[in-house]
Each structure stands twice: as structure tokens, then as C-alpha cells.
Amino acid sequence: MSKRIVAPIAALVTFLVPAIVLAAPAAEEAAKPAANMGVAIAMALAIGLAALGGGLGQGRAIAAALEGICRNPNSSSAVFTPMLIGLAFIESLVIFAFLISFLLNGRL
């Protein structure tokens, strides 16, 4: 499929589906204030943006490392360790976003 079709579908899945799922319990209880709906949407956006940004960052890091290894196969040992450290840093940012979303969940 072309990028013109895949990009809107990916955005829809990344942002709207978690927002609907997380906002559904808040919508059931009409007695709670409307601010809780904003917290649920913030949680969904935090999770979606973290997964999207982390996936893109990891993909680019791995692609650049593999391109460097393909150009100079002797440098694979020198490229592999910094690549793993970079991937760990990228993943830690995603985990921080999940942590923030769970902390926001305590406010619901």
C-alpha cells in the first residue's frame, strides 16, 4: 500500500482507538466532572505518541547502524554496542511515557 493510505490509518489507530477505549469508562459515569475525560485523552495520547516516537526512533537507529555495518563490515563490533545503548535510551523514554500515563490514571 502507498504511504498516502498507510499514514492516515496509522494515525487513526495510534491516536483515536486508545482515546476511545480509555475514555469509555469515564463516559459511563456521568457524575464525574468533565476534567476526567481530558485526563483519559491525555493518557491515550501519551501512550500513542510514546509508541509512535519510540518505534520511529528505534527504526532509524537500527537502519543507520546496519547501513554503517554494511559499508564497513569490520566495524560491526564498534557499532553494535553504541546502537544497543541508544536503543535502551529510546526505550526508556517510552517507559517514562507509560509511567506518566499510569500516574494520570490515578487521577481518574
N, C-alpha and C. Protein backbone atom coordinates (compact mmCIF):
# COMPACT_ATOMS: atom_id res chain seq x y z
N MET A 1 0.83 -1.18 0.00
CA MET A 1 0.00 0.00 0.00
C MET A 1 0.88 1.24 0.00
N SER A 2 0.32 2.29 -0.49
CA SER A 2 1.10 3.52 -0.57
C SER A 2 1.09 4.26 0.76
N LYS A 3 2.01 5.21 0.89
CA LYS A 3 2.11 5.98 2.13
C LYS A 3 0.89 6.87 2.34
N ARG A 4 0.22 7.21 1.26
CA ARG A 4 -0.95 8.07 1.38
C ARG A 4 -2.10 7.36 2.08
N ILE A 5 -2.10 6.02 2.01
CA ILE A 5 -3.15 5.26 2.66
C ILE A 5 -2.71 4.82 4.05
N VAL A 6 -1.47 4.43 4.19
CA VAL A 6 -0.97 3.87 5.44
C VAL A 6 -0.88 4.93 6.53
N ALA A 7 -0.45 6.13 6.21
CA ALA A 7 -0.25 7.18 7.22
C ALA A 7 -1.55 7.55 7.95
N PRO A 8 -2.67 7.80 7.25
CA PRO A 8 -3.90 8.11 7.99
C PRO A 8 -4.41 6.94 8.82
N ILE A 9 -4.24 5.73 8.31
CA ILE A 9 -4.68 4.56 9.07
C ILE A 9 -3.83 4.41 10.34
N ALA A 10 -2.52 4.61 10.21
CA ALA A 10 -1.65 4.51 11.38
C ALA A 10 -1.99 5.60 12.40
N ALA A 11 -2.27 6.81 11.93
CA ALA A 11 -2.64 7.89 12.85
C ALA A 11 -3.96 7.57 13.55
N LEU A 12 -4.90 7.03 12.82
CA LEU A 12 -6.19 6.67 13.40
C LEU A 12 -6.03 5.62 14.49
N VAL A 13 -5.26 4.59 14.19
CA VAL A 13 -5.06 3.52 15.17
C VAL A 13 -4.26 4.02 16.36
N THR A 14 -3.25 4.86 16.11
CA THR A 14 -2.38 5.31 17.19
C THR A 14 -3.08 6.27 18.14
N PHE A 15 -3.90 7.15 17.64
CA PHE A 15 -4.46 8.19 18.48
C PHE A 15 -5.91 7.97 18.88
N LEU A 16 -6.75 7.60 17.94
CA LEU A 16 -8.18 7.57 18.24
C LEU A 16 -8.62 6.31 18.96
N VAL A 17 -8.10 5.17 18.58
CA VAL A 17 -8.56 3.93 19.21
C VAL A 17 -8.23 3.92 20.70
N PRO A 18 -6.97 4.22 21.12
CA PRO A 18 -6.73 4.25 22.58
C PRO A 18 -7.55 5.33 23.29
N ALA A 19 -7.78 6.44 22.63
CA ALA A 19 -8.57 7.51 23.26
C ALA A 19 -10.00 7.05 23.49
N ILE A 20 -10.56 6.33 22.53
CA ILE A 20 -11.93 5.84 22.69
C ILE A 20 -11.99 4.78 23.79
N VAL A 21 -11.01 3.88 23.79
CA VAL A 21 -11.00 2.81 24.79
C VAL A 21 -10.83 3.36 26.20
N LEU A 22 -9.90 4.30 26.36
CA LEU A 22 -9.66 4.85 27.69
C LEU A 22 -10.73 5.84 28.13
N ALA A 23 -11.42 6.46 27.20
CA ALA A 23 -12.46 7.42 27.55
C ALA A 23 -13.80 6.76 27.81
N ALA A 24 -13.98 5.52 27.40
CA ALA A 24 -15.27 4.85 27.57
C ALA A 24 -15.68 4.71 29.03
N PRO A 25 -14.79 4.28 29.95
CA PRO A 25 -15.23 4.19 31.35
C PRO A 25 -15.59 5.56 31.93
N ALA A 26 -14.90 6.60 31.53
CA ALA A 26 -15.21 7.93 32.03
C ALA A 26 -16.55 8.41 31.50
N ALA A 27 -16.90 7.99 30.29
CA ALA A 27 -18.18 8.40 29.71
C ALA A 27 -19.35 7.68 30.37
N GLU A 28 -19.10 6.49 30.91
CA GLU A 28 -20.18 5.73 31.56
C GLU A 28 -20.64 6.41 32.84
N GLU A 29 -19.73 7.00 33.56
CA GLU A 29 -20.07 7.63 34.82
C GLU A 29 -20.29 9.12 34.60
N ALA A 30 -21.53 9.50 34.45
CA ALA A 30 -21.85 10.90 34.14
C ALA A 30 -21.67 11.79 35.36
N ALA A 31 -21.59 11.22 36.55
CA ALA A 31 -21.47 12.03 37.75
C ALA A 31 -20.09 12.65 37.90
N LYS A 32 -19.08 12.06 37.29
CA LYS A 32 -17.73 12.61 37.39
C LYS A 32 -17.61 13.87 36.54
N PRO A 33 -16.74 14.78 36.93
CA PRO A 33 -16.60 16.02 36.15
C PRO A 33 -15.98 15.75 34.78
N ALA A 34 -16.15 16.71 33.89
CA ALA A 34 -15.64 16.58 32.52
C ALA A 34 -14.12 16.62 32.46
N ALA A 35 -13.46 17.06 33.51
CA ALA A 35 -12.00 17.12 33.52
C ALA A 35 -11.40 15.72 33.45
N ASN A 36 -12.12 14.72 33.95
CA ASN A 36 -11.62 13.35 33.88
C ASN A 36 -11.53 12.87 32.44
N MET A 37 -12.37 13.37 31.59
CA MET A 37 -12.30 12.99 30.17
C MET A 37 -11.01 13.52 29.57
N GLY A 38 -10.59 14.70 29.98
CA GLY A 38 -9.32 15.24 29.49
C GLY A 38 -8.14 14.43 29.96
N VAL A 39 -8.20 13.92 31.19
CA VAL A 39 -7.13 13.08 31.70
C VAL A 39 -7.06 11.78 30.92
N ALA A 40 -8.20 11.20 30.59
CA ALA A 40 -8.22 9.96 29.82
C ALA A 40 -7.65 10.18 28.42
N ILE A 41 -7.98 11.29 27.81
CA ILE A 41 -7.44 11.58 26.48
C ILE A 41 -5.94 11.85 26.57
N ALA A 42 -5.51 12.52 27.63
CA ALA A 42 -4.07 12.76 27.81
C ALA A 42 -3.32 11.45 27.97
N MET A 43 -3.90 10.49 28.69
CA MET A 43 -3.27 9.18 28.84
C MET A 43 -3.15 8.48 27.50
N ALA A 44 -4.22 8.51 26.73
CA ALA A 44 -4.20 7.84 25.43
C ALA A 44 -3.18 8.49 24.50
N LEU A 45 -3.11 9.80 24.50
CA LEU A 45 -2.14 10.49 23.65
C LEU A 45 -0.71 10.22 24.10
N ALA A 46 -0.49 10.15 25.41
CA ALA A 46 0.86 9.86 25.90
C ALA A 46 1.31 8.48 25.46
N ILE A 47 0.44 7.50 25.57
CA ILE A 47 0.79 6.14 25.16
C ILE A 47 0.99 6.09 23.66
N GLY A 48 0.09 6.69 22.91
CA GLY A 48 0.20 6.65 21.45
C GLY A 48 1.42 7.35 20.91
N LEU A 49 1.68 8.55 21.42
CA LEU A 49 2.86 9.29 20.96
C LEU A 49 4.16 8.61 21.37
N ALA A 50 4.17 8.02 22.57
CA ALA A 50 5.38 7.32 23.02
C ALA A 50 5.67 6.12 22.13
N ALA A 51 4.65 5.35 21.84
CA ALA A 51 4.85 4.18 20.99
C ALA A 51 5.25 4.59 19.58
N LEU A 52 4.61 5.62 19.06
CA LEU A 52 4.92 6.09 17.71
C LEU A 52 6.34 6.65 17.64
N GLY A 53 6.69 7.53 18.55
CA GLY A 53 8.03 8.13 18.54
C GLY A 53 9.12 7.13 18.83
N GLY A 54 8.87 6.23 19.78
CA GLY A 54 9.86 5.21 20.09
C GLY A 54 10.09 4.26 18.93
N GLY A 55 9.02 3.86 18.27
CA GLY A 55 9.16 2.97 17.12
C GLY A 55 9.90 3.62 15.97
N LEU A 56 9.58 4.87 15.70
CA LEU A 56 10.29 5.58 14.63
C LEU A 56 11.77 5.79 14.96
N GLY A 57 12.04 6.15 16.20
CA GLY A 57 13.42 6.37 16.62
C GLY A 57 14.25 5.10 16.58
N GLN A 58 13.67 4.00 17.05
CA GLN A 58 14.39 2.74 17.02
C GLN A 58 14.61 2.26 15.60
N GLY A 59 13.63 2.45 14.75
CA GLY A 59 13.79 2.05 13.35
C GLY A 59 14.90 2.82 12.66
N ARG A 60 14.94 4.12 12.89
CA ARG A 60 16.00 4.92 12.27
C ARG A 60 17.38 4.58 12.82
N ALA A 61 17.46 4.31 14.14
CA ALA A 61 18.74 3.97 14.74
C ALA A 61 19.27 2.65 14.20
N ILE A 62 18.40 1.68 14.10
CA ILE A 62 18.83 0.37 13.60
C ILE A 62 19.19 0.46 12.12
N ALA A 63 18.42 1.22 11.36
CA ALA A 63 18.73 1.37 9.93
C ALA A 63 20.09 2.03 9.73
N ALA A 64 20.38 3.06 10.51
CA ALA A 64 21.68 3.73 10.37
C ALA A 64 22.82 2.81 10.79
N ALA A 65 22.61 2.05 11.86
CA ALA A 65 23.67 1.13 12.30
C ALA A 65 23.91 0.03 11.27
N LEU A 66 22.85 -0.52 10.74
CA LEU A 66 23.01 -1.58 9.73
C LEU A 66 23.64 -1.04 8.45
N GLU A 67 23.31 0.19 8.10
CA GLU A 67 23.94 0.79 6.92
C GLU A 67 25.44 0.98 7.15
N GLY A 68 25.81 1.40 8.35
CA GLY A 68 27.23 1.55 8.67
C GLY A 68 27.96 0.22 8.67
N ILE A 69 27.31 -0.82 9.17
CA ILE A 69 27.93 -2.14 9.18
C ILE A 69 28.06 -2.69 7.77
N CYS A 70 27.06 -2.41 6.93
CA CYS A 70 27.12 -2.89 5.54
C CYS A 70 28.23 -2.19 4.76
N ARG A 71 28.45 -0.94 5.05
CA ARG A 71 29.51 -0.21 4.35
C ARG A 71 30.89 -0.64 4.81
N ASN A 72 31.02 -0.98 6.10
CA ASN A 72 32.30 -1.41 6.64
C ASN A 72 32.06 -2.57 7.60
N PRO A 73 32.07 -3.81 7.11
CA PRO A 73 31.76 -4.95 7.98
C PRO A 73 32.72 -5.13 9.16
N ASN A 74 33.93 -4.62 9.04
CA ASN A 74 34.89 -4.74 10.14
C ASN A 74 34.49 -3.90 11.35
N SER A 75 33.63 -2.92 11.16
CA SER A 75 33.24 -2.04 12.26
C SER A 75 32.01 -2.53 13.01
N SER A 76 31.58 -3.74 12.76
CA SER A 76 30.34 -4.20 13.39
C SER A 76 30.46 -4.26 14.91
N SER A 77 31.61 -4.64 15.44
CA SER A 77 31.76 -4.68 16.89
C SER A 77 31.79 -3.28 17.49
N ALA A 78 32.28 -2.30 16.75
CA ALA A 78 32.33 -0.92 17.25
C ALA A 78 30.97 -0.23 17.16
N VAL A 79 30.11 -0.69 16.26
CA VAL A 79 28.81 -0.05 16.06
C VAL A 79 27.73 -0.70 16.92
N PHE A 80 27.89 -1.98 17.22
CA PHE A 80 26.82 -2.73 17.87
C PHE A 80 26.54 -2.23 19.29
N THR A 81 27.56 -2.02 20.10
CA THR A 81 27.36 -1.60 21.49
C THR A 81 26.73 -0.21 21.61
N PRO A 82 27.23 0.80 20.89
CA PRO A 82 26.55 2.11 20.98
C PRO A 82 25.11 2.06 20.46
N MET A 83 24.85 1.19 19.46
CA MET A 83 23.48 1.06 18.97
C MET A 83 22.58 0.52 20.06
N LEU A 84 23.02 -0.49 20.80
CA LEU A 84 22.21 -1.05 21.87
C LEU A 84 21.99 -0.04 23.00
N ILE A 85 23.00 0.75 23.30
CA ILE A 85 22.83 1.77 24.34
C ILE A 85 21.82 2.83 23.88
N GLY A 86 21.91 3.23 22.62
CA GLY A 86 20.94 4.19 22.08
C GLY A 86 19.53 3.64 22.09
N LEU A 87 19.37 2.37 21.74
CA LEU A 87 18.04 1.75 21.77
C LEU A 87 17.50 1.70 23.20
N ALA A 88 18.37 1.45 24.16
CA ALA A 88 17.93 1.43 25.56
C ALA A 88 17.46 2.82 26.00
N PHE A 89 18.16 3.87 25.57
CA PHE A 89 17.72 5.23 25.91
C PHE A 89 16.38 5.56 25.26
N ILE A 90 16.21 5.16 24.01
CA ILE A 90 14.94 5.42 23.33
C ILE A 90 13.81 4.68 24.05
N GLU A 91 14.05 3.44 24.42
CA GLU A 91 13.02 2.66 25.10
C GLU A 91 12.71 3.22 26.48
N SER A 92 13.71 3.80 27.14
CA SER A 92 13.45 4.38 28.45
C SER A 92 12.50 5.57 28.35
N LEU A 93 12.58 6.33 27.29
CA LEU A 93 11.63 7.44 27.10
C LEU A 93 10.22 6.93 26.93
N VAL A 94 10.06 5.82 26.22
CA VAL A 94 8.73 5.22 26.06
C VAL A 94 8.21 4.73 27.41
N ILE A 95 9.08 4.12 28.20
CA ILE A 95 8.66 3.64 29.52
C ILE A 95 8.28 4.81 30.42
N PHE A 96 8.99 5.93 30.33
CA PHE A 96 8.61 7.11 31.11
C PHE A 96 7.22 7.61 30.70
N ALA A 97 6.90 7.56 29.42
CA ALA A 97 5.57 7.98 28.97
C ALA A 97 4.50 7.05 29.52
N PHE A 98 4.77 5.74 29.55
CA PHE A 98 3.82 4.81 30.15
C PHE A 98 3.65 5.11 31.64
N LEU A 99 4.73 5.41 32.32
CA LEU A 99 4.67 5.73 33.74
C LEU A 99 3.81 6.97 33.98
N ILE A 100 4.00 7.98 33.16
CA ILE A 100 3.21 9.21 33.29
C ILE A 100 1.74 8.92 33.05
N SER A 101 1.45 8.08 32.06
CA SER A 101 0.05 7.77 31.79
C SER A 101 -0.57 6.99 32.94
N PHE A 102 0.19 6.11 33.60
CA PHE A 102 -0.35 5.40 34.75
C PHE A 102 -0.53 6.33 35.95
N LEU A 103 0.36 7.32 36.08
CA LEU A 103 0.18 8.30 37.14
C LEU A 103 -1.06 9.15 36.88
N LEU A 104 -1.32 9.45 35.63
CA LEU A 104 -2.54 10.18 35.29
C LEU A 104 -3.77 9.30 35.55
N ASN A 105 -3.61 8.00 35.40
CA ASN A 105 -4.73 7.09 35.65
C ASN A 105 -5.17 7.16 37.10
N GLY A 106 -4.25 7.45 38.00
CA GLY A 106 -4.60 7.59 39.40
C GLY A 106 -5.48 8.79 39.66
N ARG A 107 -5.51 9.73 38.75
CA ARG A 107 -6.34 10.93 38.91
C ARG A 107 -7.76 10.72 38.42
N LEU A 108 -8.02 9.62 37.72
CA LEU A 108 -9.37 9.38 37.20
C LEU A 108 -10.35 9.07 38.29
